[in-house]
């Protein structure tokens, strides 16, 4: 399993890629989210983890932050 430090670095890199794509293609964040989510669904289906991925997504609304005083932000 990746370390917390590596996960943080990966998250920052993904943030930068997403921001670049939004700017390059002049697309709104919600549309970009739809494109990315669709690609993730297809990737997981192709690799055989589609059912687990859908279960994960199904549980997202039930997840609550451990510290509600912290807000999510892109660096």
C-alpha atoms as a PDB file:
ATOM      1  CA  UNK A   1       0.000   0.000   0.000  1.00  0.00           C
ATOM      2  CA  UNK A   2       1.334   3.469  -0.874  1.00  0.00           C
ATOM      3  CA  UNK A   3       2.518   5.676   1.951  1.00  0.00           C
ATOM      4  CA  UNK A   4       0.517   8.731   3.001  1.00  0.00           C
ATOM      5  CA  UNK A   5       3.304  10.898   1.581  1.00  0.00           C
ATOM      6  CA  UNK A   6       3.105   9.203  -1.814  1.00  0.00           C
ATOM      7  CA  UNK A   7      -0.685   9.455  -1.826  1.00  0.00           C
ATOM      8  CA  UNK A   8      -0.448  13.176  -1.080  1.00  0.00           C
ATOM      9  CA  UNK A   9       2.078  13.664  -3.903  1.00  0.00           C
ATOM     10  CA  UNK A  10      -0.129  11.701  -6.280  1.00  0.00           C
ATOM     11  CA  UNK A  11      -3.174  13.748  -5.263  1.00  0.00           C
ATOM     12  CA  UNK A  12      -1.356  17.018  -5.929  1.00  0.00           C
ATOM     13  CA  UNK A  13      -0.180  15.776  -9.325  1.00  0.00           C
ATOM     14  CA  UNK A  14      -3.721  14.708 -10.260  1.00  0.00           C
ATOM     15  CA  UNK A  15      -5.013  18.138  -9.150  1.00  0.00           C
ATOM     16  CA  UNK A  16      -2.510  19.804 -11.479  1.00  0.00           C
ATOM     17  CA  UNK A  17      -3.460  17.549 -14.399  1.00  0.00           C
ATOM     18  CA  UNK A  18      -7.179  18.182 -13.889  1.00  0.00           C
ATOM     19  CA  UNK A  19      -6.667  21.945 -13.620  1.00  0.00           C
ATOM     20  CA  UNK A  20      -4.569  21.904 -16.797  1.00  0.00           C
ATOM     21  CA  UNK A  21      -7.205  19.925 -18.718  1.00  0.00           C
ATOM     22  CA  UNK A  22     -10.016  22.225 -17.556  1.00  0.00           C
ATOM     23  CA  UNK A  23      -8.042  25.223 -18.775  1.00  0.00           C
ATOM     24  CA  UNK A  24      -6.842  23.616 -22.018  1.00  0.00           C
ATOM     25  CA  UNK A  25     -10.282  22.394 -23.101  1.00  0.00           C
ATOM     26  CA  UNK A  26     -12.263  25.273 -21.575  1.00  0.00           C
ATOM     27  CA  UNK A  27     -14.601  22.829 -19.841  1.00  0.00           C
ATOM     28  CA  UNK A  28     -16.493  23.413 -16.626  1.00  0.00           C
ATOM     29  CA  UNK A  29     -15.509  21.339 -13.565  1.00  0.00           C
ATOM     30  CA  UNK A  30     -18.772  19.374 -13.468  1.00  0.00           C
ATOM     31  CA  UNK A  31     -18.378  18.266 -17.095  1.00  0.00           C
ATOM     32  CA  UNK A  32     -14.745  17.350 -16.419  1.00  0.00           C
ATOM     33  CA  UNK A  33     -15.889  15.297 -13.440  1.00  0.00           C
ATOM     34  CA  UNK A  34     -18.361  13.429 -15.662  1.00  0.00           C
ATOM     35  CA  UNK A  35     -15.629  12.630 -18.200  1.00  0.00           C
ATOM     36  CA  UNK A  36     -13.195  11.460 -15.512  1.00  0.00           C
ATOM     37  CA  UNK A  37     -15.826   9.373 -13.726  1.00  0.00           C
ATOM     38  CA  UNK A  38     -16.848   7.710 -16.990  1.00  0.00           C
ATOM     39  CA  UNK A  39     -13.220   6.839 -17.726  1.00  0.00           C
ATOM     40  CA  UNK A  40     -12.755   5.432 -14.212  1.00  0.00           C
ATOM     41  CA  UNK A  41     -15.859   3.271 -14.600  1.00  0.00           C
ATOM     42  CA  UNK A  42     -14.597   1.913 -17.921  1.00  0.00           C
ATOM     43  CA  UNK A  43     -11.109   1.307 -16.528  1.00  0.00           C
ATOM     44  CA  UNK A  44     -12.473  -0.624 -13.567  1.00  0.00           C
ATOM     45  CA  UNK A  45     -14.830  -2.625 -15.787  1.00  0.00           C
ATOM     46  CA  UNK A  46     -11.955  -3.490 -18.115  1.00  0.00           C
ATOM     47  CA  UNK A  47      -9.720  -4.617 -15.250  1.00  0.00           C
ATOM     48  CA  UNK A  48     -12.430  -6.659 -13.537  1.00  0.00           C
ATOM     49  CA  UNK A  49     -12.959  -4.415 -10.523  1.00  0.00           C
ATOM     50  CA  UNK A  50     -16.135  -2.732 -11.790  1.00  0.00           C
ATOM     51  CA  UNK A  51     -18.420  -4.240  -9.136  1.00  0.00           C
ATOM     52  CA  UNK A  52     -16.106  -3.208  -6.304  1.00  0.00           C
ATOM     53  CA  UNK A  53     -15.759   0.277  -7.811  1.00  0.00           C
ATOM     54  CA  UNK A  54     -19.534   0.692  -7.946  1.00  0.00           C
ATOM     55  CA  UNK A  55     -19.825  -0.472  -4.326  1.00  0.00           C
ATOM     56  CA  UNK A  56     -17.185   2.096  -3.376  1.00  0.00           C
ATOM     57  CA  UNK A  57     -19.081   4.854  -5.164  1.00  0.00           C
ATOM     58  CA  UNK A  58     -22.321   3.693  -3.548  1.00  0.00           C
ATOM     59  CA  UNK A  59     -20.794   4.190  -0.105  1.00  0.00           C
ATOM     60  CA  UNK A  60     -19.472   7.693  -0.740  1.00  0.00           C
ATOM     61  CA  UNK A  61     -22.666   9.480   0.441  1.00  0.00           C
ATOM     62  CA  UNK A  62     -22.385   7.641   3.775  1.00  0.00           C
ATOM     63  CA  UNK A  63     -18.806   8.765   4.406  1.00  0.00           C
ATOM     64  CA  UNK A  64     -18.332  11.653   6.788  1.00  0.00           C
ATOM     65  CA  UNK A  65     -15.138  13.581   7.410  1.00  0.00           C
ATOM     66  CA  UNK A  66     -13.294  12.571  10.575  1.00  0.00           C
ATOM     67  CA  UNK A  67     -12.676  16.220  11.319  1.00  0.00           C
ATOM     68  CA  UNK A  68     -15.592  18.385  10.089  1.00  0.00           C
ATOM     69  CA  UNK A  69     -13.549  21.553  10.760  1.00  0.00           C
ATOM     70  CA  UNK A  70     -11.252  20.699   7.834  1.00  0.00           C
ATOM     71  CA  UNK A  71     -12.461  21.733   4.407  1.00  0.00           C
ATOM     72  CA  UNK A  72     -11.389  20.053   1.220  1.00  0.00           C
ATOM     73  CA  UNK A  73      -9.360  22.250  -1.059  1.00  0.00           C
ATOM     74  CA  UNK A  74      -7.231  21.899  -4.131  1.00  0.00           C
ATOM     75  CA  UNK A  75      -3.681  23.076  -3.520  1.00  0.00           C
END
